[in-house]
């Protein structure tokens, strides 16, 4: 018996969904994935706004070297932030992959998965 069969064999799961808005229960992994995707999209929007703002500052500096350096520093910091966010995402993705693989391997060893 695998995990999907265990979930479906629970009594009352469909009834709970019918009582609370006729919505079937959603897997917590899917909810977590949606939250992470939303957060990454929001961070990408912040990055885009920072780059556009820094470019605008650079273009409107009027040749003032101090303003140009501030705009370049803002662009550099935005790119560094993006690199940190992508590194955090890739580490999280790797860890989730490894945890999932370990759990599935243990389930196979315990004869939970055919």
C-alpha atoms as a PDB file:
ATOM      1  CA  UNK A   1       0.000   0.000   0.000  1.00  0.00           C
ATOM      2  CA  UNK A   2       1.494   3.343  -0.979  1.00  0.00           C
ATOM      3  CA  UNK A   3       1.002   6.799   0.513  1.00  0.00           C
ATOM      4  CA  UNK A   4      -1.688   7.770  -1.999  1.00  0.00           C
ATOM      5  CA  UNK A   5      -3.760   4.711  -1.091  1.00  0.00           C
ATOM      6  CA  UNK A   6      -3.361   5.508   2.608  1.00  0.00           C
ATOM      7  CA  UNK A   7      -4.627   9.038   2.031  1.00  0.00           C
ATOM      8  CA  UNK A   8      -7.609   7.847  -0.009  1.00  0.00           C
ATOM      9  CA  UNK A   9      -8.490   5.130   2.495  1.00  0.00           C
ATOM     10  CA  UNK A  10      -9.108   7.649   5.275  1.00  0.00           C
ATOM     11  CA  UNK A  11     -12.776   7.989   6.004  1.00  0.00           C
ATOM     12  CA  UNK A  12     -14.410  11.370   5.918  1.00  0.00           C
ATOM     13  CA  UNK A  13     -11.927  13.194   3.682  1.00  0.00           C
ATOM     14  CA  UNK A  14     -14.495  13.865   0.955  1.00  0.00           C
ATOM     15  CA  UNK A  15     -17.155  14.799   3.495  1.00  0.00           C
ATOM     16  CA  UNK A  16     -14.924  17.432   5.069  1.00  0.00           C
ATOM     17  CA  UNK A  17     -14.396  19.009   1.665  1.00  0.00           C
ATOM     18  CA  UNK A  18     -18.110  18.959   0.950  1.00  0.00           C
ATOM     19  CA  UNK A  19     -18.960  20.660   4.249  1.00  0.00           C
ATOM     20  CA  UNK A  20     -16.358  23.390   3.866  1.00  0.00           C
ATOM     21  CA  UNK A  21     -17.042  24.824   0.443  1.00  0.00           C
ATOM     22  CA  UNK A  22     -17.033  21.654  -1.641  1.00  0.00           C
ATOM     23  CA  UNK A  23     -13.269  21.880  -1.956  1.00  0.00           C
ATOM     24  CA  UNK A  24     -11.120  18.786  -1.794  1.00  0.00           C
ATOM     25  CA  UNK A  25      -8.266  18.836   0.722  1.00  0.00           C
ATOM     26  CA  UNK A  26      -4.981  19.939  -0.821  1.00  0.00           C
ATOM     27  CA  UNK A  27      -1.644  18.341  -0.079  1.00  0.00           C
ATOM     28  CA  UNK A  28       0.540  20.459   2.218  1.00  0.00           C
ATOM     29  CA  UNK A  29       3.472  20.073  -0.186  1.00  0.00           C
ATOM     30  CA  UNK A  30       1.458  21.729  -2.940  1.00  0.00           C
ATOM     31  CA  UNK A  31       0.474  24.578  -0.619  1.00  0.00           C
ATOM     32  CA  UNK A  32       4.117  25.088   0.436  1.00  0.00           C
ATOM     33  CA  UNK A  33       5.224  25.060  -3.201  1.00  0.00           C
ATOM     34  CA  UNK A  34       2.642  27.707  -4.099  1.00  0.00           C
ATOM     35  CA  UNK A  35       3.759  29.908  -1.201  1.00  0.00           C
ATOM     36  CA  UNK A  36       7.419  29.604  -2.219  1.00  0.00           C
ATOM     37  CA  UNK A  37       6.576  30.386  -5.864  1.00  0.00           C
ATOM     38  CA  UNK A  38       4.566  33.444  -4.802  1.00  0.00           C
ATOM     39  CA  UNK A  39       7.380  34.679  -2.558  1.00  0.00           C
ATOM     40  CA  UNK A  40       9.986  34.218  -5.310  1.00  0.00           C
ATOM     41  CA  UNK A  41       7.759  36.084  -7.754  1.00  0.00           C
ATOM     42  CA  UNK A  42       7.438  38.940  -5.269  1.00  0.00           C
ATOM     43  CA  UNK A  43      11.208  39.049  -4.770  1.00  0.00           C
ATOM     44  CA  UNK A  44      11.722  39.089  -8.548  1.00  0.00           C
ATOM     45  CA  UNK A  45       9.361  42.062  -8.734  1.00  0.00           C
ATOM     46  CA  UNK A  46      11.381  43.878  -6.068  1.00  0.00           C
ATOM     47  CA  UNK A  47      14.584  43.139  -8.005  1.00  0.00           C
ATOM     48  CA  UNK A  48      13.040  44.502 -11.201  1.00  0.00           C
ATOM     49  CA  UNK A  49      11.888  47.693  -9.463  1.00  0.00           C
ATOM     50  CA  UNK A  50      15.346  48.225  -7.939  1.00  0.00           C
ATOM     51  CA  UNK A  51      17.081  47.781 -11.296  1.00  0.00           C
ATOM     52  CA  UNK A  52      14.679  50.166 -13.044  1.00  0.00           C
ATOM     53  CA  UNK A  53      15.053  52.727 -10.245  1.00  0.00           C
ATOM     54  CA  UNK A  54      18.863  52.489 -10.354  1.00  0.00           C
ATOM     55  CA  UNK A  55      18.826  52.850 -14.143  1.00  0.00           C
ATOM     56  CA  UNK A  56      16.574  55.896 -13.855  1.00  0.00           C
ATOM     57  CA  UNK A  57      18.894  57.424 -11.251  1.00  0.00           C
ATOM     58  CA  UNK A  58      21.866  56.779 -13.524  1.00  0.00           C
ATOM     59  CA  UNK A  59      20.208  58.276 -16.591  1.00  0.00           C
ATOM     60  CA  UNK A  60      19.040  61.379 -14.729  1.00  0.00           C
ATOM     61  CA  UNK A  61      22.325  61.984 -12.897  1.00  0.00           C
ATOM     62  CA  UNK A  62      23.312  64.624 -15.438  1.00  0.00           C
ATOM     63  CA  UNK A  63      26.964  63.616 -15.413  1.00  0.00           C
ATOM     64  CA  UNK A  64      27.274  63.869 -11.613  1.00  0.00           C
ATOM     65  CA  UNK A  65      29.825  61.181 -10.725  1.00  0.00           C
ATOM     66  CA  UNK A  66      28.543  60.813  -7.174  1.00  0.00           C
ATOM     67  CA  UNK A  67      24.995  60.047  -8.370  1.00  0.00           C
ATOM     68  CA  UNK A  68      26.335  57.612 -10.978  1.00  0.00           C
ATOM     69  CA  UNK A  69      28.303  55.759  -8.293  1.00  0.00           C
ATOM     70  CA  UNK A  70      25.195  55.572  -6.076  1.00  0.00           C
ATOM     71  CA  UNK A  71      23.159  54.158  -8.963  1.00  0.00           C
ATOM     72  CA  UNK A  72      25.872  51.611  -9.770  1.00  0.00           C
ATOM     73  CA  UNK A  73      26.072  50.592  -6.101  1.00  0.00           C
ATOM     74  CA  UNK A  74      22.296  50.128  -6.024  1.00  0.00           C
ATOM     75  CA  UNK A  75      22.447  47.943  -9.139  1.00  0.00           C
ATOM     76  CA  UNK A  76      25.311  45.922  -7.684  1.00  0.00           C
ATOM     77  CA  UNK A  77      23.451  45.392  -4.411  1.00  0.00           C
ATOM     78  CA  UNK A  78      20.283  44.342  -6.265  1.00  0.00           C
ATOM     79  CA  UNK A  79      22.222  41.748  -8.268  1.00  0.00           C
ATOM     80  CA  UNK A  80      23.925  40.459  -5.105  1.00  0.00           C
ATOM     81  CA  UNK A  81      20.502  40.135  -3.477  1.00  0.00           C
ATOM     82  CA  UNK A  82      19.223  38.226  -6.495  1.00  0.00           C
ATOM     83  CA  UNK A  83      22.207  35.849  -6.316  1.00  0.00           C
ATOM     84  CA  UNK A  84      21.560  35.243  -2.603  1.00  0.00           C
ATOM     85  CA  UNK A  85      17.872  34.546  -3.269  1.00  0.00           C
ATOM     86  CA  UNK A  86      18.685  32.127  -6.105  1.00  0.00           C
ATOM     87  CA  UNK A  87      21.268  30.355  -3.935  1.00  0.00           C
ATOM     88  CA  UNK A  88      18.734  29.996  -1.110  1.00  0.00           C
ATOM     89  CA  UNK A  89      16.157  28.662  -3.553  1.00  0.00           C
ATOM     90  CA  UNK A  90      18.574  26.124  -5.035  1.00  0.00           C
ATOM     91  CA  UNK A  91      19.677  24.909  -1.580  1.00  0.00           C
ATOM     92  CA  UNK A  92      16.050  24.564  -0.482  1.00  0.00           C
ATOM     93  CA  UNK A  93      15.142  22.724  -3.674  1.00  0.00           C
ATOM     94  CA  UNK A  94      18.075  20.329  -3.202  1.00  0.00           C
ATOM     95  CA  UNK A  95      17.192  19.643   0.438  1.00  0.00           C
ATOM     96  CA  UNK A  96      13.537  18.968  -0.370  1.00  0.00           C
ATOM     97  CA  UNK A  97      14.616  16.654  -3.185  1.00  0.00           C
ATOM     98  CA  UNK A  98      16.972  14.733  -0.899  1.00  0.00           C
ATOM     99  CA  UNK A  99      14.397  14.480   1.927  1.00  0.00           C
ATOM    100  CA  UNK A 100      11.794  13.216  -0.515  1.00  0.00           C
ATOM    101  CA  UNK A 101      14.213  10.676  -1.949  1.00  0.00           C
ATOM    102  CA  UNK A 102      15.176   9.469   1.532  1.00  0.00           C
ATOM    103  CA  UNK A 103      11.549   9.117   2.612  1.00  0.00           C
ATOM    104  CA  UNK A 104      10.649   7.173  -0.528  1.00  0.00           C
ATOM    105  CA  UNK A 105      13.699   4.904  -0.121  1.00  0.00           C
ATOM    106  CA  UNK A 106      12.722   4.197   3.498  1.00  0.00           C
ATOM    107  CA  UNK A 107       9.132   3.500   2.460  1.00  0.00           C
ATOM    108  CA  UNK A 108      10.382   0.975  -0.102  1.00  0.00           C
ATOM    109  CA  UNK A 109      12.569  -0.691   2.531  1.00  0.00           C
ATOM    110  CA  UNK A 110       9.575  -0.972   4.860  1.00  0.00           C
ATOM    111  CA  UNK A 111       7.367  -2.365   2.081  1.00  0.00           C
ATOM    112  CA  UNK A 112       4.991   0.621   2.090  1.00  0.00           C
ATOM    113  CA  UNK A 113       5.465   1.158  -1.623  1.00  0.00           C
ATOM    114  CA  UNK A 114       5.081  -1.806  -3.996  1.00  0.00           C
END
